[in-house]
Protein backbone atom coordinates (compact mmCIF):
# COMPACT_ATOMS: atom_id res chain seq x y z
CA MET A 1 0.00 0.00 0.00
CA LEU A 2 2.84 2.38 0.87
CA LYS A 3 6.51 2.09 -0.07
CA LEU A 4 9.66 4.20 0.23
CA ILE A 5 12.84 3.34 -1.65
CA ASN A 6 16.11 5.08 -0.72
CA ALA A 7 14.20 8.23 0.25
CA THR A 8 16.52 11.18 0.91
CA LYS A 9 15.62 14.70 2.04
CA LYS A 10 18.22 17.06 3.52
CA TYR A 11 17.94 20.32 5.44
CA ILE A 12 21.21 22.21 5.78
CA ASP A 13 21.68 24.94 8.36
CA ILE A 14 24.72 26.60 9.88
CA GLU A 15 25.26 23.98 12.57
CA ASP A 16 23.95 20.72 11.20
CA VAL A 17 22.56 18.64 8.33
CA ARG A 18 19.22 17.04 9.12
CA GLY A 19 16.51 15.10 7.36
CA ILE A 20 16.41 11.51 6.12
CA SER A 21 18.89 9.54 4.05
CA LYS A 22 18.29 6.39 1.99
CA VAL A 23 15.21 5.39 4.01
CA SER A 24 13.42 2.32 2.67
CA PHE A 25 10.38 0.66 4.20
CA SER A 26 6.83 -0.37 3.35
CA ALA A 27 3.50 -0.70 5.14
CA SER A 28 0.60 -2.98 4.29
CA ARG A 29 -3.14 -2.41 4.56
CA GLY A 30 -4.22 -2.18 8.20
CA GLU A 31 -0.66 -2.16 9.54
CA VAL A 32 0.31 0.18 12.38
CA VAL A 33 3.95 1.30 12.26
CA CYS A 34 5.36 3.42 15.10
CA VAL A 35 8.42 5.52 14.28
CA LEU A 36 10.84 5.96 17.19
CA GLY A 37 14.17 7.71 17.58
CA LYS A 38 15.92 10.58 19.31
CA SER A 39 15.10 14.22 18.59
CA GLY A 40 16.47 15.21 15.19
CA SER A 41 16.58 11.64 13.88
CA GLY A 42 14.28 12.45 10.95
CA LYS A 43 10.94 11.17 12.23
CA SER A 44 8.85 14.24 11.36
CA THR A 45 10.65 14.69 8.02
CA LEU A 46 9.66 11.12 7.12
CA LEU A 47 6.00 11.86 7.84
CA ARG A 48 6.06 15.11 5.89
CA VAL A 49 7.54 13.28 2.90
CA LEU A 50 4.81 10.64 3.10
CA ALA A 51 2.18 13.37 3.34
CA GLY A 52 3.53 15.14 0.25
CA LEU A 53 4.49 18.20 2.26
CA GLU A 54 8.16 17.80 1.28
CA THR A 55 9.72 16.75 -2.01
CA LEU A 56 12.52 14.20 -2.02
CA ASP A 57 16.05 15.04 -3.10
CA LYS A 58 16.56 11.41 -4.11
CA GLY A 59 14.61 8.15 -4.01
CA SER A 60 10.91 7.50 -4.38
CA VAL A 61 7.67 7.21 -2.43
CA SER A 62 4.74 5.30 -3.84
CA ILE A 63 1.19 4.87 -2.57
CA ASN A 64 -1.36 2.59 -4.19
CA LYS A 65 -3.76 4.20 -6.61
CA ASN A 66 -6.85 5.74 -4.95
CA CYS A 67 -5.18 5.52 -1.51
CA LEU A 68 -5.37 8.92 0.15
CA ALA A 69 -2.98 9.70 3.02
CA THR A 70 -3.89 12.34 5.61
CA TYR A 71 -1.54 14.00 8.09
CA VAL A 72 -2.33 14.98 11.71
CA SER A 73 0.17 17.03 13.70
CA GLN A 74 0.56 17.57 17.45
CA ASN A 75 -0.74 21.14 17.05
CA TYR A 76 -4.34 20.10 16.16
CA THR A 77 -4.69 22.87 13.50
CA LEU A 78 -8.46 23.06 13.94
CA TRP A 79 -10.31 26.03 12.43
CA PRO A 80 -10.87 28.25 15.53
CA HIS A 81 -13.96 30.00 14.08
CA LEU A 82 -15.76 26.73 13.30
CA THR A 83 -17.53 24.36 15.67
CA VAL A 84 -16.45 20.74 16.05
CA ILE A 85 -19.08 19.48 13.61
CA GLU A 86 -18.18 22.23 11.15
CA ASN A 87 -14.48 21.32 11.36
CA LEU A 88 -15.37 17.72 10.47
CA THR A 89 -17.71 18.56 7.60
CA LEU A 90 -16.02 21.54 5.91
CA ALA A 91 -13.68 19.65 3.55
CA PRO A 92 -16.18 16.87 2.67
CA LYS A 93 -18.81 19.47 1.77
CA LEU A 94 -16.33 21.07 -0.64
CA LYS A 95 -14.91 17.86 -2.12
CA SER A 96 -17.43 15.02 -1.68
CA LYS A 97 -20.29 14.21 -4.00
CA ASN A 98 -22.41 13.15 -1.03
CA SER A 99 -25.28 15.33 0.16
CA HIS A 100 -24.78 17.66 3.11
CA LYS A 101 -27.24 15.50 5.07
CA THR A 102 -25.16 12.36 4.47
CA ILE A 103 -21.92 14.14 5.42
CA LEU A 104 -23.47 15.51 8.60
CA LYS A 105 -24.72 12.05 9.54
CA GLU A 106 -21.23 10.54 9.00
CA ALA A 107 -19.63 13.20 11.19
CA SER A 108 -22.25 12.83 13.93
CA THR A 109 -21.80 9.04 13.92
CA LEU A 110 -18.04 9.41 14.37
CA LEU A 111 -18.47 11.88 17.25
CA TYR A 112 -20.93 9.53 18.96
CA ARG A 113 -18.70 6.50 18.47
CA PHE A 114 -15.77 8.19 20.18
CA GLY A 115 -17.64 9.98 22.95
CA LEU A 116 -17.57 13.50 21.54
CA GLU A 117 -21.23 13.91 20.57
CA ASN A 118 -21.86 16.42 23.38
CA TYR A 119 -19.18 18.73 21.93
CA ALA A 120 -20.48 18.89 18.35
CA ASN A 121 -21.43 22.56 18.65
CA ASN A 122 -18.46 23.65 20.76
CA TYR A 123 -15.57 25.67 19.39
CA PRO A 124 -11.97 24.41 19.67
CA SER A 125 -11.21 26.95 22.40
CA GLU A 126 -13.81 25.21 24.57
CA LEU A 127 -12.16 21.78 24.30
CA SER A 128 -9.41 20.08 26.29
CA GLY A 129 -6.16 19.06 24.62
CA GLY A 130 -7.25 15.44 24.33
CA GLN A 131 -10.60 16.41 22.84
CA LYS A 132 -8.92 18.67 20.27
CA GLN A 133 -6.58 15.87 19.24
CA ARG A 134 -9.41 13.38 18.82
CA VAL A 135 -11.39 15.90 16.77
CA ALA A 136 -8.31 16.49 14.56
CA ILE A 137 -8.02 12.73 13.98
CA LEU A 138 -11.72 12.34 13.20
CA ARG A 139 -11.50 15.27 10.78
CA ALA A 140 -8.75 13.35 8.99
CA VAL A 141 -10.93 10.22 8.94
CA MET A 142 -13.75 12.22 7.32
CA ALA A 143 -11.51 12.65 4.26
CA LYS A 144 -11.87 8.87 3.62
CA PRO A 145 -8.13 8.10 3.65
CA LYS A 146 -6.59 4.66 3.56
CA ILE A 147 -3.45 5.89 5.35
CA LEU A 148 -3.24 8.04 8.49
CA LEU A 149 0.01 9.85 9.41
CA PHE A 150 0.28 10.96 13.05
CA ASP A 151 3.10 13.21 14.28
CA GLU A 152 3.57 13.17 18.09
CA ILE A 153 -0.17 13.23 18.77
CA THR A 154 0.40 12.25 22.44
CA SER A 155 3.16 14.77 23.20
CA ALA A 156 1.06 17.31 25.14
CA LEU A 157 -1.40 14.92 26.77
CA ASP A 158 -1.61 13.59 30.32
CA PRO A 159 -2.03 9.82 30.93
CA GLU A 160 -5.86 9.97 31.09
CA LEU A 161 -6.09 11.73 27.73
CA THR A 162 -3.44 9.45 26.23
CA LYS A 163 -5.72 6.55 27.22
CA SER A 164 -8.57 7.99 25.16
CA LEU A 165 -6.23 8.16 22.16
CA LEU A 166 -5.14 4.56 22.76
CA ASP A 167 -8.75 3.47 22.45
CA LEU A 168 -9.26 5.57 19.31
CA ILE A 169 -6.13 4.25 17.57
CA ARG A 170 -7.06 0.65 18.43
CA ALA A 171 -10.53 1.18 16.97
CA LEU A 172 -9.11 2.69 13.76
CA ALA A 173 -6.69 -0.24 13.46
CA LYS A 174 -9.62 -2.66 13.65
CA ASP A 175 -11.30 -0.63 10.89
CA GLY A 176 -8.33 -1.43 8.64
CA TYR A 177 -6.54 1.92 8.41
CA THR A 178 -2.81 1.86 7.72
CA MET A 179 -1.16 4.15 10.29
CA ILE A 180 2.34 5.59 10.55
CA ILE A 181 2.77 7.11 14.02
CA VAL A 182 5.68 9.18 15.30
CA THR A 183 5.73 9.01 19.10
CA HIS A 184 8.05 9.12 22.10
CA HIS A 185 5.61 7.31 24.43
CA MET A 186 6.83 3.74 24.94
CA SER A 187 3.57 2.52 26.51
CA PHE A 188 1.62 3.96 23.58
CA ALA A 189 3.91 2.29 21.03
CA MET A 190 3.79 -1.04 22.89
CA PHE A 191 0.00 -0.94 22.83
CA VAL A 192 -0.74 0.05 19.24
CA ALA A 193 2.19 -0.96 17.02
CA ASP A 194 2.52 -3.95 14.73
CA ARG A 195 6.00 -2.80 13.72
CA ILE A 196 8.62 -0.37 14.96
CA LEU A 197 10.79 1.74 12.65
CA PHE A 198 13.75 3.13 14.61
CA LEU A 199 15.61 6.07 13.06
CA LYS A 200 19.08 7.34 13.86
CA ASP A 201 20.63 10.38 12.16
CA GLY A 202 18.04 10.17 9.37
CA THR A 203 18.64 6.49 8.57
CA VAL A 204 16.80 3.29 9.53
CA LEU A 205 18.70 1.61 12.35
CA GLN A 206 16.05 -1.08 12.84
CA ASP A 207 12.76 -2.17 11.25
CA GLU A 208 11.26 -4.88 13.45
CA LYS A 209 8.01 -6.44 14.62
CA ALA A 210 6.89 -4.65 17.78
CA ILE A 211 6.82 -7.74 19.97
CA LYS A 212 10.43 -8.56 19.08
CA PHE A 213 11.55 -4.91 19.31
CA PHE A 214 10.40 -4.61 22.92
CA THR A 215 10.86 -8.15 24.26
CA ALA A 216 13.93 -9.45 22.40
CA GLN A 217 15.93 -6.33 21.64
CA LYS A 218 19.56 -7.10 20.80
CA ASN A 219 20.87 -3.64 19.86
CA PRO A 220 22.50 -2.03 22.94
CA GLU A 221 21.91 1.51 21.65
CA ILE A 222 18.18 0.90 21.20
CA LYS A 223 17.98 -0.86 24.58
CA SER A 224 19.50 2.22 26.18
CA PHE A 225 17.07 4.47 24.32
CA ILE A 226 14.05 2.49 25.55
CA LEU A 227 15.22 2.61 29.16
CA ASP A 228 16.13 6.31 29.01
CA ILE A 229 12.69 7.23 27.65
CA THR A 230 10.82 5.19 30.23
CA LYS A 231 12.81 6.73 33.10
CA ARG A 232 11.49 10.21 32.23
CA ASP A 233 7.90 9.16 32.87
CA GLU A 234 6.96 9.34 36.57
CA SER A 235 4.38 6.58 36.10
CA ILE A 236 7.05 4.25 34.68
CA GLU A 237 9.63 2.39 36.72
CA VAL A 238 12.33 0.06 35.36
CA PHE A 239 13.67 -3.04 37.16
CA LYS A 240 16.78 -4.34 35.45
CA GLY A 241 18.75 -7.53 36.03
CA ARG A 242 17.97 -10.99 37.41
CA GLU A 243 17.91 -9.98 41.10
CA GLN A 244 15.52 -7.07 40.54
CA PHE A 245 13.37 -9.24 38.24
CA GLN A 246 13.06 -11.90 40.95
CA ALA A 247 12.47 -9.39 43.75
CA TYR A 248 9.78 -7.63 41.75
CA HIS A 249 7.73 -10.78 41.15
CA ILE A 250 8.11 -12.03 44.72
CA GLY A 251 7.05 -8.61 46.00
CA LEU A 252 4.10 -8.56 43.60
CA ILE A 253 2.76 -11.95 44.65
CA LYS A 254 3.11 -10.95 48.33
CA ARG A 255 1.21 -7.68 48.03
CA LEU A 256 -1.63 -8.85 45.78
CA PRO A 257 -4.76 -9.68 47.79
CA LYS A 258 -6.13 -13.21 47.95
CA ASP A 259 -8.29 -14.36 45.04
CA SER A 260 -6.74 -11.79 42.67
CA THR A 261 -6.17 -12.38 38.95
CA ILE A 262 -3.02 -11.67 36.93
CA TYR A 263 -3.76 -11.16 33.24
CA VAL A 264 -0.87 -12.20 30.99
CA ALA A 265 -0.60 -11.69 27.21
CA GLY A 266 2.06 -12.70 24.72
CA ALA A 267 4.06 -15.11 26.87
CA VAL A 268 5.81 -17.98 25.10
CA GLY A 269 5.94 -21.17 27.11
CA ASP A 270 7.98 -21.05 30.32
CA SER A 271 10.10 -18.09 29.17
CA TRP A 272 9.71 -16.09 32.39
CA ILE A 273 10.40 -19.01 34.75
CA GLN A 274 14.11 -19.25 33.86
CA PRO A 275 15.05 -15.76 35.15
CA MET A 276 13.08 -16.49 38.35
CA GLY A 277 15.55 -19.30 39.08
CA GLU A 278 15.27 -20.88 42.53
CA PHE A 279 12.65 -18.31 43.56
CA TYR A 280 10.04 -19.66 41.16
CA LYS A 281 9.10 -22.51 43.52
CA TYR A 282 8.40 -20.01 46.33
CA TYR A 283 6.42 -17.81 43.91
CA GLU A 284 4.25 -20.73 42.82
CA GLU A 285 3.60 -21.91 46.39
CA MET A 286 2.60 -18.39 47.46
CA ARG A 287 0.33 -17.92 44.42
CA ILE A 288 -1.49 -21.22 44.97
CA LYS A 289 -1.84 -20.55 48.71
CA LYS A 290 -3.41 -17.11 48.05
CA ARG A 291 -5.58 -18.52 45.22
CA ILE A 292 -4.24 -15.98 42.71
CA THR A 293 -5.34 -16.89 39.19
CA TRP A 294 -3.22 -16.72 36.06
CA LYS A 295 -5.39 -15.83 33.07
CA MET A 296 -3.02 -16.17 30.13
CA VAL A 297 -3.27 -15.90 26.37
CA THR A 298 -0.04 -17.26 24.92
CA TYR A 299 1.48 -18.38 21.63
CA SER A 300 2.50 -21.68 23.19
CA GLN A 301 2.32 -23.52 26.51
CA GLY A 302 5.42 -24.71 28.31
CA LYS A 303 5.87 -27.82 30.44
CA THR A 304 5.16 -25.92 33.66
CA ASP A 305 2.03 -24.32 32.16
CA ARG A 306 0.63 -27.73 31.25
CA ARG A 307 1.36 -29.12 34.71
CA LEU A 308 -0.34 -26.19 36.44
CA VAL A 309 -3.48 -26.53 34.30
CA LYS A 310 -3.66 -30.21 35.24
CA GLU A 311 -3.00 -29.74 38.98
CA PHE A 312 -4.81 -26.43 39.61
CA PRO A 313 -7.26 -25.88 36.71
CA GLN A 314 -9.31 -23.30 38.63
CA LEU A 315 -6.23 -21.08 39.11
CA ASN A 316 -4.69 -21.45 35.65
CA GLN A 317 -6.73 -20.35 32.65
CA PHE A 318 -4.94 -20.59 29.30
CA ARG A 319 -5.87 -19.83 25.72
CA ARG A 320 -3.63 -20.18 22.72
CA LEU A 321 -3.05 -17.01 20.68
CA PRO A 322 -3.12 -17.61 16.89
CA ARG A 323 0.17 -16.77 15.20
CA THR A 324 -1.76 -14.58 12.76
CA ILE A 325 -2.53 -12.15 15.58
CA GLN A 326 0.24 -9.72 16.51
CA ASN A 327 0.51 -8.90 20.20
CA PRO A 328 2.77 -5.85 20.66
CA ALA A 329 4.46 -6.90 23.90
CA ASN A 330 4.75 -9.53 26.61
CA TYR A 331 2.80 -7.91 29.42
CA CYS A 332 0.78 -8.51 32.58
CA VAL A 333 -2.01 -6.39 34.02
CA THR A 334 -2.76 -6.28 37.76
CA GLU A 335 -5.28 -3.76 39.03
CA ASP A 336 -3.84 -0.32 38.09
CA THR A 337 -0.49 -1.56 36.76
CA VAL A 338 0.88 -2.80 33.42
CA ILE A 339 4.04 -4.91 33.64
CA THR A 340 6.04 -5.33 30.43
CA GLN A 341 8.72 -8.02 30.57
CA ILE A 342 11.86 -8.43 28.48
CA PHE A 343 13.52 -11.86 28.60
CA GLU A 344 17.19 -11.52 27.72
CA ASP A 345 20.57 -12.18 29.35
CA GLU A 346 19.63 -9.24 31.57
CA PRO A 347 15.87 -9.65 32.19
CA THR A 348 14.01 -6.36 32.57
CA ILE A 349 10.61 -5.25 33.83
CA ILE A 350 9.02 -1.96 32.77
CA GLN A 351 6.20 -1.09 35.17
CA ILE A 352 3.54 1.42 34.10
CA LYS A 353 1.45 2.38 37.11
CA ASN A 354 -1.55 4.23 35.73
CA GLN A 355 -5.20 3.19 36.00
CA HIS A 356 -6.22 4.65 32.63
CA ILE A 357 -3.39 2.90 30.76
CA ALA A 358 -4.13 -0.35 32.63
CA ASP A 359 -7.80 -0.11 31.62
CA ALA A 360 -6.83 0.30 27.97
CA TYR A 361 -4.47 -2.68 28.12
CA MET A 362 -7.21 -4.77 29.77
CA ARG A 363 -9.58 -4.04 26.91
CA PHE A 364 -6.90 -5.19 24.49
CA PHE A 365 -6.30 -8.29 26.60
CA GLU A 366 -9.98 -9.17 26.35
CA GLU A 367 -9.76 -8.87 22.55
CA LEU A 368 -6.82 -11.27 22.55
CA TRP A 369 -8.57 -13.63 24.98
CA ASN A 370 -11.68 -13.75 22.82
CA SER A 371 -9.48 -14.53 19.79
CA GLY A 372 -7.72 -17.39 21.57
CA LYS A 373 -8.62 -21.06 21.57
C-alpha cells in the first residue's frame, strides 16, 4: 500500500545537516507502524515526505492508486472560528459528492462512536487538549483516507487523555486503516504498534516487529534508548537484572490480595520461569496458597504451564493465541499496573502504574482472549 525506496531529504543549516537519508520501508493495509528515535533523527521529516508536504532530493515514495494519506500534527490545526461538527464537515462538503445531510450524519456518527457527541457545537477553544486531538483525527478520517500519518499526537497529553487516544487508535486499526505514528511514548507504542521503525541520524537503524523490538531487543543503543525514555515518565519504573526481576515478582505476589487475577498476554511457554531461578518454587507456592489466578493468552504452553493446568485448573486459565494475531508486547495487568517483561541475558521489567493505561491494556487483553482457543 505504501513504499519508500532510498528516500533522501536534507535540510542544511549553519550547525547541522538534518533530514532523512536512503530510508526504505513499506506498510501494508491495516498495519500500524510506530516511528521511534531521538530528537532530530528524521521522524517528522519522514511523515512530511509521506504526506507530500516535502519533495525528495533522491529516491521515491509510492502509494497505491486511490489511496489517500492524511496528516495529523501535534498542534491540532483546527479552524478556531468553526464548531467541532463544522471542522469535520467543511472539507467533505467542498470535495465530496455526497449530500450535506449524508456528510453531517457521517460526522455525527463518528463523534458519537468516540464519545464527543456532546461537543459537536463547541468551538476548539472550549475543548481540552485530548478532545482537540481526537477531533483532529476524526477530521482526517472524514476525508476517507486509507493511510493516516500521526506526528507526536500524544506529546502534550496527560495519561488519562493518552488513554482515550489509545482506544481511538485501536478502533481505527480494527477498521483497517494503515497508520504511521511518530511518538516518544513507549507505553503507547507497545500498545498500538505492529511494527517499529527506529531512526538514527536520518537512517533506519532497525525495522522490526513490535513484539520482538520490545521483548527481544539485541541492539544495545536501542535498549539504552528504551530505558532512558521510560525513566522520564513518573508513572514508569524500570527493574533491570535478574535480582531485581526476581524481587519484583516475589514482591508482587506478596502484596496482591487473595483471590486476585493476573492477566498475561504474549508469553511464550515457560520463558519467564528461567530468570526467576530458585525463587520460582516459592512464587508458585505463594500464588497457589493465596488462590491468585493466572489468566493467560499465549502463543505456546510450556511444560510448567501444562502441569499447572492439570493440577490447579481453577487457578490457571490458558488460551492459545493464533500466530496470525500480533501482540505488541509480553505484558501482565494487575489492578492499576501494566508490567512489560523483556527476557534476555539481563531480564528487565518496565512497570507502568496508571489506571487509565491499565484499563486500555485490559480491553486489548480481552480482545486477545476472545481470539484465543
